[in-house]
Amino acid sequence: MSGTPFGSVLIRAYREFLDERNLQEFVKLIAERYTQGTLMRIVESSDAEARQAAVLSLRFFGSKACVAVVAGALCDSDSSVRELAENALWAIWRRAGTREQNRKLAAISMLVADGHFDTAIADADDLIREAPRFAEVYNQRAIAYIQTKRYKESILDCERVLKLNPLHFGAWAGKGQCFLALEKPAKALEAFRQALEINPNLTNVRESIQVLERSMEE
């Protein structure tokens, strides 16, 4: 694929972006020259640099339709592709609503990051009523629930995320954390394994699995 004119343009733009970090120009060029379908095909090409460029592009242009392809890149042989794929998935998941809903989600995420968990939960409640199929809203509320030790409620939200988006490794990992806090190691181990199967790059999850496996053997 990278030998085609389309692939060559993509790689050249990607190299210029890496050299100059001119994201605006990179995004503009890709928007003018590529469709999502073409980028998805390039993600599965044999050229690692082309795969990197395509996954980076899908971070900005990808929709729900490309999630499975980008998730597959989490197991790529190239470490840069894997890292770019993880970042791309989070970006795609966070813009799955309307522009206004995405803005509200970003505000909720900021509240969670700043430790305003009760306000984040209340705002997530409102957004969920408005957009009940926006999976990432449930995930942010699940994170807030974990931080306030409301583990059972967090598990329910993680399960809602996974019903809408089975490839959401973050929700699987969140379930594992909750089960661990509830002293249910077997269920925690199962959830962590599911997260790692989707995304083998989760170092903390891998370490948790090793600790659990050792403790359960003992």
C-alpha atoms as a PDB file:
ATOM      1  CA  MET A   1       0.000   0.000   0.000  1.00  0.00           C
ATOM      2  CA  SER A   2       2.812   2.403   0.838  1.00  0.00           C
ATOM      3  CA  GLY A   3       4.141   2.031  -2.707  1.00  0.00           C
ATOM      4  CA  THR A   4       1.022   3.645  -4.135  1.00  0.00           C
ATOM      5  CA  PRO A   5       0.847   7.438  -4.653  1.00  0.00           C
ATOM      6  CA  PHE A   6      -1.625   7.652  -1.782  1.00  0.00           C
ATOM      7  CA  GLY A   7       0.739   5.818   0.554  1.00  0.00           C
ATOM      8  CA  SER A   8       3.700   7.891  -0.591  1.00  0.00           C
ATOM      9  CA  VAL A   9       1.880  11.148   0.112  1.00  0.00           C
ATOM     10  CA  LEU A  10       0.880   9.898   3.544  1.00  0.00           C
ATOM     11  CA  ILE A  11       4.412   8.869   4.476  1.00  0.00           C
ATOM     12  CA  ARG A  12       5.879  12.149   3.220  1.00  0.00           C
ATOM     13  CA  ALA A  13       3.358  14.147   5.240  1.00  0.00           C
ATOM     14  CA  TYR A  14       4.073  12.003   8.291  1.00  0.00           C
ATOM     15  CA  ARG A  15       7.821  12.545   7.998  1.00  0.00           C
ATOM     16  CA  GLU A  16       7.330  16.291   7.691  1.00  0.00           C
ATOM     17  CA  PHE A  17       5.074  16.224  10.734  1.00  0.00           C
ATOM     18  CA  LEU A  18       7.718  14.363  12.773  1.00  0.00           C
ATOM     19  CA  ASP A  19      10.406  16.838  11.701  1.00  0.00           C
ATOM     20  CA  GLU A  20       8.416  20.040  12.183  1.00  0.00           C
ATOM     21  CA  ARG A  21       5.529  18.966  14.457  1.00  0.00           C
ATOM     22  CA  ASN A  22       3.142  20.929  12.252  1.00  0.00           C
ATOM     23  CA  LEU A  23      -0.015  19.093  13.225  1.00  0.00           C
ATOM     24  CA  GLN A  24      -2.358  21.542  11.540  1.00  0.00           C
ATOM     25  CA  GLU A  25      -0.765  21.033   8.127  1.00  0.00           C
ATOM     26  CA  PHE A  26      -0.673  17.255   8.562  1.00  0.00           C
ATOM     27  CA  VAL A  27      -4.351  17.095   9.481  1.00  0.00           C
ATOM     28  CA  LYS A  28      -5.313  19.409   6.604  1.00  0.00           C
ATOM     29  CA  LEU A  29      -3.463  17.334   4.026  1.00  0.00           C
ATOM     30  CA  ILE A  30      -4.852  14.025   5.246  1.00  0.00           C
ATOM     31  CA  ALA A  31      -8.393  15.409   5.294  1.00  0.00           C
ATOM     32  CA  GLU A  32      -8.012  16.491   1.669  1.00  0.00           C
ATOM     33  CA  ARG A  33      -6.411  13.316   0.333  1.00  0.00           C
ATOM     34  CA  TYR A  34      -7.678  10.313   2.312  1.00  0.00           C
ATOM     35  CA  THR A  35     -10.890   8.606   3.267  1.00  0.00           C
ATOM     36  CA  GLN A  36     -11.303   6.605   6.451  1.00  0.00           C
ATOM     37  CA  GLY A  37     -11.544   3.418   4.396  1.00  0.00           C
ATOM     38  CA  THR A  38      -8.205   4.085   2.705  1.00  0.00           C
ATOM     39  CA  LEU A  39      -6.529   4.813   6.031  1.00  0.00           C
ATOM     40  CA  MET A  40      -7.953   1.600   7.490  1.00  0.00           C
ATOM     41  CA  ARG A  41      -6.440  -0.378   4.621  1.00  0.00           C
ATOM     42  CA  ILE A  42      -3.069   1.281   5.150  1.00  0.00           C
ATOM     43  CA  VAL A  43      -3.161   0.319   8.855  1.00  0.00           C
ATOM     44  CA  GLU A  44      -2.937  -3.278   7.645  1.00  0.00           C
ATOM     45  CA  SER A  45      -0.130  -2.653   5.139  1.00  0.00           C
ATOM     46  CA  SER A  46       3.353  -4.193   5.362  1.00  0.00           C
ATOM     47  CA  ASP A  47       5.137  -0.835   5.783  1.00  0.00           C
ATOM     48  CA  ALA A  48       5.554   0.138   9.454  1.00  0.00           C
ATOM     49  CA  GLU A  49       5.962   3.833   8.708  1.00  0.00           C
ATOM     50  CA  ALA A  50       2.789   3.847   6.622  1.00  0.00           C
ATOM     51  CA  ARG A  51       0.950   2.091   9.461  1.00  0.00           C
ATOM     52  CA  GLN A  52       2.188   4.718  11.924  1.00  0.00           C
ATOM     53  CA  ALA A  53       0.958   7.518   9.676  1.00  0.00           C
ATOM     54  CA  ALA A  54      -2.420   5.883   9.078  1.00  0.00           C
ATOM     55  CA  VAL A  55      -3.069   5.217  12.761  1.00  0.00           C
ATOM     56  CA  LEU A  56      -2.096   8.782  13.647  1.00  0.00           C
ATOM     57  CA  SER A  57      -4.514  10.018  10.981  1.00  0.00           C
ATOM     58  CA  LEU A  58      -7.358   7.916  12.356  1.00  0.00           C
ATOM     59  CA  ARG A  59      -6.769   9.521  15.732  1.00  0.00           C
ATOM     60  CA  PHE A  60      -8.164  12.698  14.175  1.00  0.00           C
ATOM     61  CA  PHE A  61     -10.602  11.308  11.597  1.00  0.00           C
ATOM     62  CA  GLY A  62     -11.576   7.835  12.742  1.00  0.00           C
ATOM     63  CA  SER A  63     -15.137   6.906  13.674  1.00  0.00           C
ATOM     64  CA  LYS A  64     -16.669   3.911  15.408  1.00  0.00           C
ATOM     65  CA  ALA A  65     -16.366   1.992  12.127  1.00  0.00           C
ATOM     66  CA  CYS A  66     -12.566   1.861  12.393  1.00  0.00           C
ATOM     67  CA  VAL A  67     -12.287   0.813  16.058  1.00  0.00           C
ATOM     68  CA  ALA A  68     -11.706  -2.881  15.329  1.00  0.00           C
ATOM     69  CA  VAL A  69      -8.913  -2.107  12.843  1.00  0.00           C
ATOM     70  CA  VAL A  70      -7.196   0.346  15.188  1.00  0.00           C
ATOM     71  CA  ALA A  71      -7.589  -2.074  18.103  1.00  0.00           C
ATOM     72  CA  GLY A  72      -5.872  -4.708  15.982  1.00  0.00           C
ATOM     73  CA  ALA A  73      -2.897  -2.353  15.718  1.00  0.00           C
ATOM     74  CA  LEU A  74      -2.446  -2.637  19.495  1.00  0.00           C
ATOM     75  CA  CYS A  75      -0.749  -5.957  18.682  1.00  0.00           C
ATOM     76  CA  ASP A  76       1.410  -4.561  15.876  1.00  0.00           C
ATOM     77  CA  SER A  77       5.055  -5.628  15.664  1.00  0.00           C
ATOM     78  CA  ASP A  78       6.091  -1.961  15.678  1.00  0.00           C
ATOM     79  CA  SER A  79       6.070  -0.283  19.102  1.00  0.00           C
ATOM     80  CA  SER A  80       5.262   3.161  17.651  1.00  0.00           C
ATOM     81  CA  VAL A  81       2.201   1.781  15.886  1.00  0.00           C
ATOM     82  CA  ARG A  82       1.040   0.220  19.150  1.00  0.00           C
ATOM     83  CA  GLU A  83       1.430   3.472  21.080  1.00  0.00           C
ATOM     84  CA  LEU A  84      -0.280   5.516  18.367  1.00  0.00           C
ATOM     85  CA  ALA A  85      -3.119   2.999  18.225  1.00  0.00           C
ATOM     86  CA  GLU A  86      -3.834   3.299  21.946  1.00  0.00           C
ATOM     87  CA  ASN A  87      -3.917   7.095  21.716  1.00  0.00           C
ATOM     88  CA  ALA A  88      -6.115   6.911  18.626  1.00  0.00           C
ATOM     89  CA  LEU A  89      -8.665   4.673  20.319  1.00  0.00           C
ATOM     90  CA  TRP A  90      -9.051   7.013  23.276  1.00  0.00           C
ATOM     91  CA  ALA A  91      -9.533   9.933  20.891  1.00  0.00           C
ATOM     92  CA  ILE A  92     -12.139   8.068  18.823  1.00  0.00           C
ATOM     93  CA  TRP A  93     -14.052   6.961  21.903  1.00  0.00           C
ATOM     94  CA  ARG A  94     -14.116  10.498  23.289  1.00  0.00           C
ATOM     95  CA  ARG A  95     -15.704  12.016  20.189  1.00  0.00           C
ATOM     96  CA  ALA A  96     -18.464   9.460  19.652  1.00  0.00           C
ATOM     97  CA  GLY A  97     -21.224  11.968  20.449  1.00  0.00           C
ATOM     98  CA  THR A  98     -22.280  15.256  18.930  1.00  0.00           C
ATOM     99  CA  ARG A  99     -19.892  18.194  19.156  1.00  0.00           C
ATOM    100  CA  GLU A 100     -21.721  19.528  22.213  1.00  0.00           C
ATOM    101  CA  GLN A 101     -21.834  16.095  23.869  1.00  0.00           C
ATOM    102  CA  ASN A 102     -18.119  15.666  23.242  1.00  0.00           C
ATOM    103  CA  ARG A 103     -17.506  19.057  24.857  1.00  0.00           C
ATOM    104  CA  LYS A 104     -19.517  18.005  27.902  1.00  0.00           C
ATOM    105  CA  LEU A 105     -17.573  14.736  28.122  1.00  0.00           C
ATOM    106  CA  ALA A 106     -14.278  16.638  28.013  1.00  0.00           C
ATOM    107  CA  ALA A 107     -15.477  18.786  30.911  1.00  0.00           C
ATOM    108  CA  ILE A 108     -16.449  15.672  32.877  1.00  0.00           C
ATOM    109  CA  SER A 109     -13.038  14.122  32.214  1.00  0.00           C
ATOM    110  CA  MET A 110     -11.388  17.291  33.500  1.00  0.00           C
ATOM    111  CA  LEU A 111     -13.478  17.158  36.667  1.00  0.00           C
ATOM    112  CA  VAL A 112     -12.393  13.555  37.219  1.00  0.00           C
ATOM    113  CA  ALA A 113      -8.736  14.466  36.612  1.00  0.00           C
ATOM    114  CA  ASP A 114      -9.004  17.343  39.088  1.00  0.00           C
ATOM    115  CA  GLY A 115     -10.605  15.159  41.762  1.00  0.00           C
ATOM    116  CA  HIS A 116     -14.099  16.680  41.646  1.00  0.00           C
ATOM    117  CA  PHE A 117     -15.716  13.268  41.588  1.00  0.00           C
ATOM    118  CA  ASP A 118     -19.198  14.073  42.882  1.00  0.00           C
ATOM    119  CA  THR A 119     -19.642  16.878  40.365  1.00  0.00           C
ATOM    120  CA  ALA A 120     -18.306  14.646  37.598  1.00  0.00           C
ATOM    121  CA  ILE A 121     -20.812  11.937  38.509  1.00  0.00           C
ATOM    122  CA  ALA A 122     -23.707  14.394  38.544  1.00  0.00           C
ATOM    123  CA  ASP A 123     -22.715  15.847  35.164  1.00  0.00           C
ATOM    124  CA  ALA A 124     -22.246  12.352  33.741  1.00  0.00           C
ATOM    125  CA  ASP A 125     -25.738  11.444  34.943  1.00  0.00           C
ATOM    126  CA  ASP A 126     -27.124  14.362  32.950  1.00  0.00           C
ATOM    127  CA  LEU A 127     -25.148  13.501  29.815  1.00  0.00           C
ATOM    128  CA  ILE A 128     -26.134   9.835  30.002  1.00  0.00           C
ATOM    129  CA  ARG A 129     -29.801  10.843  30.033  1.00  0.00           C
ATOM    130  CA  GLU A 130     -29.107  12.874  26.911  1.00  0.00           C
ATOM    131  CA  ALA A 131     -26.842  10.323  25.162  1.00  0.00           C
ATOM    132  CA  PRO A 132     -27.455   6.841  26.634  1.00  0.00           C
ATOM    133  CA  ARG A 133     -25.310   5.111  23.981  1.00  0.00           C
ATOM    134  CA  PHE A 134     -22.206   7.275  24.490  1.00  0.00           C
ATOM    135  CA  ALA A 135     -19.964   4.611  26.015  1.00  0.00           C
ATOM    136  CA  GLU A 136     -17.152   6.865  27.196  1.00  0.00           C
ATOM    137  CA  VAL A 137     -19.489   8.817  29.473  1.00  0.00           C
ATOM    138  CA  TYR A 138     -20.172   5.629  31.438  1.00  0.00           C
ATOM    139  CA  ASN A 139     -16.431   4.990  31.562  1.00  0.00           C
ATOM    140  CA  GLN A 140     -15.694   8.396  33.050  1.00  0.00           C
ATOM    141  CA  ARG A 141     -18.436   7.904  35.613  1.00  0.00           C
ATOM    142  CA  ALA A 142     -16.990   4.469  36.395  1.00  0.00           C
ATOM    143  CA  ILE A 143     -13.603   6.072  37.069  1.00  0.00           C
ATOM    144  CA  ALA A 144     -15.221   8.591  39.405  1.00  0.00           C
ATOM    145  CA  TYR A 145     -17.043   5.768  41.188  1.00  0.00           C
ATOM    146  CA  ILE A 146     -13.754   3.902  41.689  1.00  0.00           C
ATOM    147  CA  GLN A 147     -12.164   6.993  43.198  1.00  0.00           C
ATOM    148  CA  THR A 148     -15.054   7.311  45.659  1.00  0.00           C
ATOM    149  CA  LYS A 149     -14.907   3.574  46.470  1.00  0.00           C
ATOM    150  CA  ARG A 150     -18.331   2.878  44.953  1.00  0.00           C
ATOM    151  CA  TYR A 151     -17.003  -0.285  43.367  1.00  0.00           C
ATOM    152  CA  LYS A 152     -20.254  -2.082  42.601  1.00  0.00           C
ATOM    153  CA  GLU A 153     -21.619   0.959  40.799  1.00  0.00           C
ATOM    154  CA  SER A 154     -18.360   1.253  38.892  1.00  0.00           C
ATOM    155  CA  ILE A 155     -18.586  -2.371  37.791  1.00  0.00           C
ATOM    156  CA  LEU A 156     -22.104  -1.784  36.473  1.00  0.00           C
ATOM    157  CA  ASP A 157     -20.869   1.188  34.469  1.00  0.00           C
ATOM    158  CA  CYS A 158     -17.916  -0.798  33.116  1.00  0.00           C
ATOM    159  CA  GLU A 159     -20.352  -3.459  31.965  1.00  0.00           C
ATOM    160  CA  ARG A 160     -22.449  -0.791  30.242  1.00  0.00           C
ATOM    161  CA  VAL A 161     -19.329   0.420  28.446  1.00  0.00           C
ATOM    162  CA  LEU A 162     -18.466  -3.092  27.323  1.00  0.00           C
ATOM    163  CA  LYS A 163     -21.962  -3.771  26.076  1.00  0.00           C
ATOM    164  CA  LEU A 164     -21.590  -0.762  23.781  1.00  0.00           C
ATOM    165  CA  ASN A 165     -17.877  -1.225  23.073  1.00  0.00           C
ATOM    166  CA  PRO A 166     -16.491  -4.730  23.804  1.00  0.00           C
ATOM    167  CA  LEU A 167     -12.960  -3.623  22.830  1.00  0.00           C
ATOM    168  CA  HIS A 168     -12.731  -1.003  25.575  1.00  0.00           C
ATOM    169  CA  PHE A 169      -9.682  -2.311  27.419  1.00  0.00           C
ATOM    170  CA  GLY A 170      -9.967   0.516  29.938  1.00  0.00           C
ATOM    171  CA  ALA A 171     -13.355  -0.711  31.100  1.00  0.00           C
ATOM    172  CA  TRP A 172     -12.041  -4.265  31.445  1.00  0.00           C
ATOM    173  CA  ALA A 173      -9.123  -2.982  33.509  1.00  0.00           C
ATOM    174  CA  GLY A 174     -11.501  -0.889  35.607  1.00  0.00           C
ATOM    175  CA  LYS A 175     -13.617  -3.944  36.355  1.00  0.00           C
ATOM    176  CA  GLY A 176     -10.489  -5.727  37.454  1.00  0.00           C
ATOM    177  CA  GLN A 177      -9.565  -2.928  39.854  1.00  0.00           C
ATOM    178  CA  CYS A 178     -13.053  -2.995  41.363  1.00  0.00           C
ATOM    179  CA  PHE A 179     -13.091  -6.745  41.851  1.00  0.00           C
ATOM    180  CA  LEU A 180      -9.648  -6.509  43.416  1.00  0.00           C
ATOM    181  CA  ALA A 181     -10.915  -3.889  45.869  1.00  0.00           C
ATOM    182  CA  LEU A 182     -13.914  -6.112  46.637  1.00  0.00           C
ATOM    183  CA  GLU A 183     -11.512  -9.009  47.368  1.00  0.00           C
ATOM    184  CA  LYS A 184     -12.701 -11.118  44.442  1.00  0.00           C
ATOM    185  CA  PRO A 185      -9.350 -12.101  42.936  1.00  0.00           C
ATOM    186  CA  ALA A 186     -10.669 -14.689  40.469  1.00  0.00           C
ATOM    187  CA  LYS A 187     -13.030 -12.179  38.882  1.00  0.00           C
ATOM    188  CA  ALA A 188     -10.318  -9.513  38.939  1.00  0.00           C
ATOM    189  CA  LEU A 189      -7.929 -11.872  37.170  1.00  0.00           C
ATOM    190  CA  GLU A 190     -10.504 -12.669  34.499  1.00  0.00           C
ATOM    191  CA  ALA A 191     -11.152  -8.968  33.816  1.00  0.00           C
ATOM    192  CA  PHE A 192      -7.458  -8.112  33.726  1.00  0.00           C
ATOM    193  CA  ARG A 193      -6.808 -10.938  31.256  1.00  0.00           C
ATOM    194  CA  GLN A 194      -9.540  -9.621  28.993  1.00  0.00           C
ATOM    195  CA  ALA A 195      -7.979  -6.142  29.084  1.00  0.00           C
ATOM    196  CA  LEU A 196      -4.525  -7.524  28.282  1.00  0.00           C
ATOM    197  CA  GLU A 197      -5.833  -9.688  25.459  1.00  0.00           C
ATOM    198  CA  ILE A 198      -7.148  -6.575  23.729  1.00  0.00           C
ATOM    199  CA  ASN A 199      -4.188  -4.378  24.613  1.00  0.00           C
ATOM    200  CA  PRO A 200      -0.965  -6.283  25.401  1.00  0.00           C
ATOM    201  CA  ASN A 201       0.801  -2.989  26.180  1.00  0.00           C
ATOM    202  CA  LEU A 202      -0.850  -2.438  29.573  1.00  0.00           C
ATOM    203  CA  THR A 203       2.195  -2.912  31.801  1.00  0.00           C
ATOM    204  CA  ASN A 204       0.348  -2.305  35.081  1.00  0.00           C
ATOM    205  CA  VAL A 205      -2.356  -4.797  34.142  1.00  0.00           C
ATOM    206  CA  ARG A 206       0.265  -7.398  33.226  1.00  0.00           C
ATOM    207  CA  GLU A 207       1.943  -6.903  36.598  1.00  0.00           C
ATOM    208  CA  SER A 208      -1.396  -7.219  38.404  1.00  0.00           C
ATOM    209  CA  ILE A 209      -2.055 -10.499  36.610  1.00  0.00           C
ATOM    210  CA  GLN A 210       1.328 -11.866  37.654  1.00  0.00           C
ATOM    211  CA  VAL A 211       0.759 -10.894  41.279  1.00  0.00           C
ATOM    212  CA  LEU A 212      -2.713 -12.423  41.304  1.00  0.00           C
ATOM    213  CA  GLU A 213      -1.568 -15.632  39.659  1.00  0.00           C
ATOM    214  CA  ARG A 214       1.231 -16.045  42.196  1.00  0.00           C
ATOM    215  CA  SER A 215      -1.050 -15.341  45.159  1.00  0.00           C
ATOM    216  CA  MET A 216      -3.723 -17.718  43.914  1.00  0.00           C
ATOM    217  CA  GLU A 217      -1.171 -20.482  43.412  1.00  0.00           C
ATOM    218  CA  GLU A 218       0.074 -20.006  46.950  1.00  0.00           C
END
